[in-house]
Protein backbone atom coordinates (compact mmCIF):
# COMPACT_ATOMS: atom_id res chain seq x y z
CA MET A 1 95.64 119.92 61.86
CA THR A 2 95.67 119.79 58.08
CA SER A 3 93.83 116.86 56.47
CA VAL A 4 95.32 114.05 54.52
CA SER A 5 92.87 113.36 51.82
CA ALA A 6 92.24 109.92 50.48
CA GLN A 7 93.86 110.92 47.26
CA HIS A 8 97.02 111.61 49.17
CA ALA A 9 96.80 108.46 51.33
CA ARG A 10 100.29 107.17 50.02
CA VAL A 11 102.88 105.44 52.11
CA LEU A 12 106.53 106.48 51.81
CA SER A 13 109.33 104.56 53.44
CA GLY A 14 113.04 104.08 52.72
CA MET A 15 116.16 102.33 53.90
CA ARG A 16 119.79 103.44 53.62
CA PRO A 17 121.70 101.01 51.37
CA THR A 18 123.39 98.59 53.70
CA GLY A 19 123.89 95.72 51.30
CA ARG A 20 122.62 92.30 52.11
CA LEU A 21 119.81 92.30 54.62
CA HIS A 22 119.37 90.09 57.65
CA LEU A 23 116.37 88.75 59.77
CA GLY A 24 116.41 91.98 61.74
CA HIS A 25 115.61 94.05 58.60
CA TYR A 26 113.06 91.33 57.57
CA HIS A 27 111.07 91.27 60.81
CA GLY A 28 111.55 95.06 61.60
CA VAL A 29 110.88 96.58 58.22
CA LEU A 30 110.17 94.20 55.30
CA LYS A 31 107.26 92.18 56.86
CA ASN A 32 105.48 95.52 57.47
CA TRP A 33 106.09 96.60 53.82
CA LEU A 34 104.73 93.36 52.61
CA GLU A 35 101.43 94.10 54.38
CA LEU A 36 101.37 97.88 53.39
CA GLN A 37 101.91 97.21 49.56
CA HIS A 38 98.49 95.55 49.34
CA GLU A 39 96.70 98.23 51.50
CA PHE A 40 98.10 101.48 50.32
CA GLU A 41 99.81 103.13 47.30
CA CYS A 42 103.42 102.58 48.48
CA PHE A 43 106.60 104.32 47.51
CA PHE A 44 109.72 102.35 48.83
CA PHE A 45 113.05 103.94 48.13
CA VAL A 46 116.72 103.45 48.54
CA ALA A 47 118.04 106.35 50.60
CA ASP A 48 121.46 106.71 49.09
CA TRP A 49 121.76 110.46 49.72
CA HIS A 50 120.99 109.79 53.41
CA ALA A 51 123.94 107.37 53.48
CA LEU A 52 126.28 110.23 52.53
CA THR A 53 125.30 112.24 55.61
CA THR A 54 127.32 109.93 57.71
CA HIS A 55 129.50 108.03 55.14
CA TYR A 56 130.52 110.77 52.78
CA GLU A 57 134.19 109.98 52.97
CA ASP A 58 133.81 106.66 51.25
CA PRO A 59 130.81 106.24 48.94
CA SER A 60 132.42 103.61 46.80
CA LEU A 61 130.40 100.80 48.51
CA ILE A 62 126.97 102.36 47.82
CA PRO A 63 126.37 100.94 44.23
CA ASP A 64 126.91 97.25 45.24
CA SER A 65 125.00 97.90 48.41
CA ILE A 66 122.04 99.22 46.54
CA ARG A 67 121.94 96.26 44.20
CA GLU A 68 122.29 93.67 46.91
CA MET A 69 119.58 95.37 49.15
CA LEU A 70 117.11 95.66 46.24
CA ILE A 71 117.57 91.94 45.33
CA ASP A 72 116.72 91.02 48.99
CA TRP A 73 113.74 93.38 48.90
CA LEU A 74 112.40 91.40 45.84
CA ALA A 75 113.31 88.16 47.30
CA ALA A 76 111.40 88.90 50.49
CA GLY A 77 108.29 89.48 48.41
CA ILE A 78 108.17 93.24 47.84
CA ASN A 79 106.31 93.44 44.54
CA PRO A 80 107.16 96.17 42.00
CA GLY A 81 103.69 95.59 40.52
CA SER A 82 102.22 96.70 43.98
CA ALA A 83 104.61 99.27 45.11
CA THR A 84 106.94 101.84 43.47
CA LEU A 85 110.69 100.96 44.14
CA PHE A 86 113.22 103.68 43.39
CA ILE A 87 116.48 105.23 44.28
CA GLN A 88 116.47 108.62 45.95
CA SER A 89 119.24 110.19 43.92
CA ARG A 90 117.61 109.18 40.69
CA VAL A 91 114.73 111.65 41.44
CA PRO A 92 116.54 115.07 41.67
CA GLU A 93 113.19 116.69 42.61
CA HIS A 94 113.92 115.51 46.18
CA ALA A 95 116.97 117.74 46.20
CA GLU A 96 115.13 120.70 44.79
CA LEU A 97 112.25 120.60 47.29
CA HIS A 98 114.92 120.07 50.01
CA LEU A 99 116.55 123.36 48.92
CA LEU A 100 113.29 125.29 48.68
CA LEU A 101 112.12 124.04 52.07
CA SER A 102 115.49 125.04 53.56
CA MET A 103 114.53 128.73 52.74
CA ILE A 104 111.74 128.65 55.24
CA THR A 105 112.77 126.09 57.95
CA PRO A 106 114.43 127.68 61.10
CA VAL A 107 117.76 126.25 61.96
CA GLY A 108 116.50 125.73 65.66
CA TRP A 109 113.90 123.23 64.25
CA LEU A 110 116.69 121.01 62.90
CA GLU A 111 118.86 121.40 65.92
CA ARG A 112 116.18 120.15 68.24
CA VAL A 113 115.53 116.79 66.38
CA PRO A 114 116.38 114.20 69.06
CA THR A 115 118.48 112.06 66.64
CA TYR A 116 120.78 115.06 65.76
CA LYS A 117 122.64 115.12 69.14
CA ASP A 118 122.20 111.38 69.68
CA GLN A 119 123.91 110.42 66.51
CA GLN A 120 126.72 112.96 67.05
CA GLU A 121 127.36 111.39 70.35
CA ARG A 122 127.28 107.84 69.14
CA LEU A 123 129.40 108.43 66.01
CA LYS A 124 132.08 110.53 67.69
CA GLU A 125 134.70 108.98 65.50
CA LYS A 126 133.11 110.78 62.42
CA ASP A 127 133.17 114.43 61.54
CA LEU A 128 129.40 115.20 61.52
CA ALA A 129 129.78 119.04 61.77
CA THR A 130 128.34 119.27 58.20
CA TYR A 131 125.41 121.06 56.75
CA GLY A 132 124.35 117.75 55.23
CA PHE A 133 124.10 116.02 58.57
CA LEU A 134 122.28 119.02 60.20
CA GLY A 135 119.90 119.12 57.23
CA TYR A 136 119.16 115.50 56.79
CA PRO A 137 115.87 115.52 58.72
CA LEU A 138 114.81 118.29 56.23
CA LEU A 139 115.76 115.93 53.36
CA GLN A 140 113.57 113.33 54.99
CA SER A 141 110.75 115.84 54.95
CA ALA A 142 111.23 116.52 51.35
CA ASP A 143 111.35 112.82 50.55
CA ILE A 144 107.78 112.57 52.18
CA LEU A 145 106.32 115.80 50.98
CA ILE A 146 107.42 115.34 47.35
CA TYR A 147 104.95 112.38 47.06
CA LYS A 148 102.25 114.01 49.30
CA ALA A 149 102.59 110.85 51.42
CA GLY A 150 99.88 110.66 54.03
CA ARG A 151 101.24 107.85 56.12
CA VAL A 152 104.88 107.32 56.96
CA PRO A 153 105.76 103.97 58.84
CA VAL A 154 108.13 104.81 61.71
CA GLY A 155 109.11 103.37 65.05
CA GLU A 156 108.52 105.55 68.13
CA ASP A 157 112.18 106.86 67.92
CA GLN A 158 111.37 108.37 64.52
CA VAL A 159 108.06 110.07 65.27
CA ALA A 160 109.85 113.35 65.87
CA HIS A 161 111.00 113.41 62.31
CA VAL A 162 107.31 113.06 61.05
CA GLU A 163 106.29 115.85 63.36
CA LEU A 164 108.97 118.08 61.90
CA THR A 165 107.64 117.33 58.60
CA ARG A 166 104.16 118.21 59.68
CA GLU A 167 105.46 121.60 61.05
CA ILE A 168 107.38 122.30 57.71
CA ALA A 169 104.21 121.49 55.65
CA ARG A 170 102.05 123.77 57.85
CA ARG A 171 104.53 126.59 57.50
CA PHE A 172 104.85 126.17 53.81
CA ASN A 173 101.03 126.14 53.40
CA HIS A 174 100.77 129.17 55.59
CA ILE A 175 103.28 131.26 53.73
CA TYR A 176 102.49 130.20 50.04
CA GLY A 177 98.77 128.84 50.30
CA ARG A 178 97.44 132.48 50.35
CA GLU A 179 96.70 132.63 46.74
CA PRO A 180 94.92 135.69 45.28
CA ASP A 181 91.06 135.53 45.63
CA PHE A 182 91.43 132.34 47.67
CA GLU A 183 87.93 132.52 49.32
CA THR A 184 86.39 133.38 45.91
CA LYS A 185 88.00 130.30 44.36
CA ALA A 186 86.93 128.10 47.41
CA GLU A 187 83.34 129.39 47.06
CA GLU A 188 83.46 128.40 43.38
CA ALA A 189 84.90 125.01 44.18
CA LYS A 190 82.21 124.45 46.82
CA ARG A 191 79.32 125.15 44.28
CA LYS A 192 80.62 122.21 42.14
CA MET A 193 79.67 119.87 44.97
CA GLY A 194 75.99 120.68 44.37
CA LYS A 195 73.53 122.71 46.51
CA LYS A 196 72.79 120.05 49.16
CA SER A 197 76.50 119.02 49.76
CA ALA A 198 77.47 122.69 49.57
CA LYS A 199 74.99 123.49 52.35
CA GLN A 200 76.08 120.59 54.55
CA PHE A 201 79.78 121.54 54.02
CA ASP A 202 79.00 125.13 55.26
CA GLU A 203 77.18 123.72 58.36
CA LEU A 204 80.10 121.40 59.16
CA ARG A 205 82.62 124.21 58.62
CA ARG A 206 80.82 126.50 60.95
CA ALA A 207 80.56 123.66 63.63
CA TYR A 208 84.30 123.24 63.43
CA GLN A 209 85.37 126.81 63.24
CA GLU A 210 82.97 128.14 65.77
CA ARG A 211 82.74 125.33 68.26
CA GLY A 212 85.85 123.26 67.50
CA ASP A 213 83.76 120.23 66.65
CA GLY A 214 86.32 117.58 65.72
CA GLU A 215 83.57 115.14 64.57
CA ALA A 216 82.21 117.80 62.12
CA LEU A 217 85.73 118.23 60.77
CA ALA A 218 86.12 114.50 60.20
CA VAL A 219 82.72 114.38 58.36
CA ALA A 220 83.54 117.24 56.16
CA ARG A 221 86.91 115.83 55.30
CA ALA A 222 85.26 112.53 54.41
CA MET A 223 82.74 114.42 52.25
CA LEU A 224 85.45 116.22 50.30
CA ASP A 225 87.27 112.88 49.78
CA GLY A 226 84.01 111.44 48.21
CA GLN A 227 83.53 114.41 45.81
CA ALA A 228 84.71 112.83 42.42
CA ASN A 229 83.93 116.07 40.41
CA LEU A 230 86.36 118.29 42.32
CA THR A 231 89.88 118.90 40.79
CA VAL A 232 92.95 118.28 43.02
CA ALA A 233 93.37 121.99 43.43
CA ASP A 234 89.72 122.59 44.34
CA ARG A 235 89.81 119.81 46.89
CA GLU A 236 93.04 121.28 48.42
CA ARG A 237 91.33 124.77 48.55
CA LEU A 238 88.40 123.45 50.22
CA PHE A 239 90.51 121.53 52.94
CA GLY A 240 92.13 124.83 53.67
CA PHE A 241 88.80 126.73 53.67
CA LEU A 242 87.44 124.21 55.96
CA GLU A 243 90.08 124.65 58.51
CA GLY A 244 90.34 128.41 58.20
CA GLY A 245 93.58 128.60 56.40
CA GLY A 246 94.79 128.70 52.80
CA ARG A 247 95.22 126.21 50.17
CA VAL A 248 96.76 122.96 51.21
CA ILE A 249 99.61 122.46 48.86
CA LEU A 250 101.79 119.95 50.91
CA PRO A 251 99.43 117.80 53.07
CA GLU A 252 100.66 117.01 56.62
CA PRO A 253 101.67 113.33 56.84
CA VAL A 254 100.86 111.26 59.85
CA PRO A 255 103.20 108.64 61.53
CA LEU A 256 102.19 104.96 60.97
CA LEU A 257 103.61 103.42 64.10
CA THR A 258 105.28 100.01 63.47
CA LYS A 259 105.94 97.56 66.20
CA ALA A 260 109.56 97.45 67.39
CA SER A 261 111.29 94.43 65.82
CA LYS A 262 111.53 91.59 68.37
CA MET A 263 114.27 89.95 66.20
CA PRO A 264 117.30 89.30 68.57
CA GLY A 265 120.77 88.58 67.43
CA LEU A 266 122.50 85.31 67.94
CA ASP A 267 123.92 86.63 71.25
CA GLY A 268 120.71 88.15 72.65
CA GLN A 269 121.53 91.69 71.67
CA LYS A 270 119.69 93.54 68.86
CA MET A 271 120.67 91.94 65.54
CA SER A 272 123.06 94.18 63.86
CA LYS A 273 126.08 93.79 61.51
CA SER A 274 128.21 95.87 63.78
CA TYR A 275 127.69 93.17 66.55
CA GLY A 276 128.46 90.30 64.24
CA ASN A 277 125.37 88.36 65.44
CA THR A 278 123.26 88.28 62.34
CA ILE A 279 121.60 85.71 60.06
CA ALA A 280 121.40 87.08 56.56
CA LEU A 281 118.43 86.37 54.23
CA ARG A 282 120.56 84.48 51.81
CA ASP A 283 122.70 82.52 54.19
CA GLU A 284 123.10 78.86 53.27
CA PRO A 285 121.38 76.31 55.41
CA ALA A 286 124.49 74.78 56.73
CA HIS A 287 125.79 78.23 57.83
CA VAL A 288 122.49 79.03 59.53
CA GLU A 289 122.45 75.52 61.27
CA LYS A 290 126.01 75.93 62.54
CA ALA A 291 125.47 79.54 63.79
CA MET A 292 122.31 78.68 65.62
CA ARG A 293 123.66 75.37 67.19
CA THR A 294 126.50 77.30 68.54
CA MET A 295 124.42 80.12 70.03
CA PRO A 296 125.12 80.93 73.73
CA THR A 297 122.48 79.76 76.23
CA ASP A 298 121.64 80.22 79.84
CA PRO A 299 125.12 80.25 81.73
CA ALA A 300 123.49 78.18 84.52
CA ARG A 301 123.17 75.32 82.17
CA VAL A 302 126.75 74.06 82.39
CA ARG A 303 125.76 70.39 82.10
CA ARG A 304 122.90 68.71 80.45
CA THR A 305 121.30 67.88 83.79
CA ASP A 306 121.46 71.54 85.02
CA PRO A 307 118.07 73.29 85.00
CA GLY A 308 117.90 76.69 83.40
CA GLU A 309 115.72 79.75 83.04
CA PRO A 310 114.37 80.40 79.51
CA GLU A 311 114.25 84.18 80.03
CA LYS A 312 117.97 84.40 80.46
CA CYS A 313 118.64 82.56 77.27
CA PRO A 314 118.96 84.16 73.85
CA VAL A 315 117.40 81.07 72.26
CA TRP A 316 114.07 81.95 74.13
CA GLN A 317 113.93 85.27 72.26
CA PHE A 318 113.88 83.30 68.94
CA HIS A 319 111.04 81.16 70.41
CA LEU A 320 109.11 84.27 71.01
CA VAL A 321 109.36 85.10 67.35
CA TYR A 322 108.96 81.74 65.75
CA SER A 323 107.30 79.32 68.02
CA ASP A 324 103.53 78.71 69.02
CA ALA A 325 102.21 78.54 72.44
CA GLU A 326 102.50 74.75 72.60
CA VAL A 327 106.34 74.77 71.80
CA ARG A 328 106.96 77.66 74.08
CA ASP A 329 105.27 75.65 76.95
CA TRP A 330 107.46 72.76 76.09
CA VAL A 331 110.57 74.91 76.31
CA GLN A 332 109.55 76.42 79.53
CA ALA A 333 108.85 73.12 81.22
CA GLY A 334 111.79 71.26 79.69
CA CYS A 335 114.40 73.90 80.39
CA ARG A 336 113.42 74.46 83.96
CA SER A 337 113.34 70.75 84.79
CA ALA A 338 116.36 69.92 82.64
CA GLY A 339 114.05 67.60 80.72
CA ILE A 340 115.41 68.82 77.51
CA GLY A 341 118.95 69.86 76.44
CA CYS A 342 119.94 73.15 74.80
CA LEU A 343 120.20 71.48 71.36
CA ASP A 344 116.69 70.01 71.85
CA CYS A 345 115.49 73.55 72.59
CA LYS A 346 117.20 75.18 69.52
CA ARG A 347 115.84 72.57 67.06
CA PRO A 348 112.36 74.03 66.52
CA VAL A 349 113.74 77.56 65.95
CA ILE A 350 116.43 76.33 63.59
CA ASP A 351 113.82 74.49 61.53
CA SER A 352 111.54 77.60 61.48
CA VAL A 353 114.30 79.86 60.39
CA LEU A 354 115.47 77.48 57.64
CA ALA A 355 111.76 77.10 56.52
CA GLU A 356 111.46 81.00 56.47
CA LEU A 357 114.59 81.53 54.42
CA ALA A 358 114.32 78.80 51.94
CA PRO A 359 111.93 80.56 49.47
CA MET A 360 113.81 83.90 49.86
CA ARG A 361 117.12 82.21 49.12
CA GLU A 362 115.73 80.67 45.88
CA ARG A 363 114.40 83.99 44.76
CA VAL A 364 117.75 85.52 45.45
CA ARG A 365 119.36 83.10 43.05
CA GLU A 366 116.66 83.87 40.39
CA PHE A 367 117.09 87.65 40.60
CA THR A 368 120.98 87.42 40.87
CA ALA A 369 120.95 85.46 37.57
CA GLN A 370 118.81 88.08 35.93
CA PRO A 371 120.54 91.40 36.58
CA GLU A 372 118.69 93.02 33.52
CA LEU A 373 115.37 92.34 35.32
CA VAL A 374 116.50 94.03 38.38
CA ARG A 375 117.64 97.07 36.48
CA ASN A 376 114.26 97.15 34.65
CA VAL A 377 112.45 97.13 37.92
CA LEU A 378 114.55 100.05 39.22
CA ASN A 379 114.33 102.04 36.07
CA GLU A 380 110.44 101.77 35.85
CA GLY A 381 110.13 102.61 39.60
CA CYS A 382 112.38 105.65 39.24
CA GLU A 383 110.27 106.82 36.27
CA ARG A 384 107.06 106.42 38.16
CA ALA A 385 108.39 108.08 41.14
CA ARG A 386 109.87 110.98 39.22
CA ALA A 387 106.59 111.47 37.46
CA VAL A 388 104.75 112.10 40.73
CA ALA A 389 107.56 114.27 42.11
CA ARG A 390 107.55 116.44 38.94
CA GLU A 391 103.86 117.19 39.55
CA THR A 392 104.45 118.19 43.13
CA MET A 393 107.18 120.48 42.10
CA GLU A 394 105.27 122.22 39.47
CA GLU A 395 102.80 123.15 42.25
CA VAL A 396 105.48 124.16 44.65
CA ARG A 397 107.28 126.36 41.97
CA HIS A 398 104.03 128.04 41.03
CA ALA A 399 103.16 128.67 44.74
CA MET A 400 106.57 130.18 45.33
CA SER A 401 106.54 132.26 42.09
CA LEU A 402 109.31 130.38 40.42
CA VAL A 403 107.65 130.41 37.08
CA PHE A 404 108.51 132.61 34.12
C-alpha cells in the first residue's frame, strides 16, 4: 500500500450540477463537507464534465444549474475561506491527466466498475454506449489524483471508484516512478534526515520489507511526515524506497466513508427530484408547512381515534433525523395509543425543518443579490485549484518524458 503523506492529506469531493439542492443533499453531502472543511484542506468542485456523460444531448441547463447549486453550497455554510470551490471544466488539467492515465488503464478495469452496468441498466432510455460514459470512472480518478487528494468522502457504493483510483496510481508509480539512479537519490535524501533518524529509518524499512511489520511501516511514514527539511520529491522518493518501489508521484487515496443519508422524502422513499418528494433548501415557509402537513401517514390511522405504528409512517423517518429521544418517546406512545393526531405528530418536525432552513434561505437571498460576489468566489477557487493542478501535471509530464 502506497502511503498518503500528511502533506497530501487533502480532501476532494464533487457534485454534478443539479440546480437547487434539497434536504437530501444537505444531510447526505453538505453537512459532511461543513465538518471536513475545518479539519482538512478541502477541494469541492462542480462536476460539469461528469454531467455530460449522461446528459450530453442537452447541456443547456448546466450553466444555470451550476450557479444555483453554488449559491446553495454557500448558503449552507461552505466557506470559500476554508475550502477551495471550483468548476471541473475550468481546470483543463483534469482532462490532460485523464488522457494520460487512459494510456495505461486497461479497458477491463473500467468495465468491471459496478456502477458501469448498473447505470446502463437504470438509464436504458439513454444511449450510454459512449467512450465518455465508459471512461467516467477514470475521469473521477484524474479529479482525485490531480490534487494528490489523500481522502475521498464516499458512500459504500462508491468505494469501488476509489479502489480503481488506487490501482491506477499504483500502476502509474510502478511504470513511471523508476527514475534513473533512484536508490542513489533515495540514499541522498535519507542523509538529509540526520544520522540518528536515517539509522532509525533503515531499521524500520528492514522490519517492514523483511518481516512485513505493518507497525514499523506506520512509524516510518510518520517519521517522513515530520521531516521538515525534506523536499516534496525527496519525501516521495523515501516513501517509495521504504515500501520497496519507486518514487511515489501520485499518492494512493483512501476512501473516507460517510454515513448514508437518513433523510427521507415526503412519501417515505429516498428524497429525490425524480420522485417529486423533496423539500428544497430555499423553499418558503408556507410551502414547507403545506407540504409537510399533507404528508402521507400510517394507512391504519383513518380516523383520529385509530391507533397507528410509527415505523409504518413516513413522518417517523423525519423524527429520526430531527427529534430528540424525549420527542420520539412522545410520538411512539401517542401514536400507538391514538393519544395524539397525525398533525400533532408532524408539528415538531415541521418546526425543526423551518428552523434549519431559515438561515439558509436568508443567505440565499444575500448571495442571489450579489452575483458578482459569487463569480469572484468561483474565479478565485478555480485559480487556486488550477495552480495545484499545474504543479501535479509538471511532475506527471516529466515522469512520462513529455518535456522538451
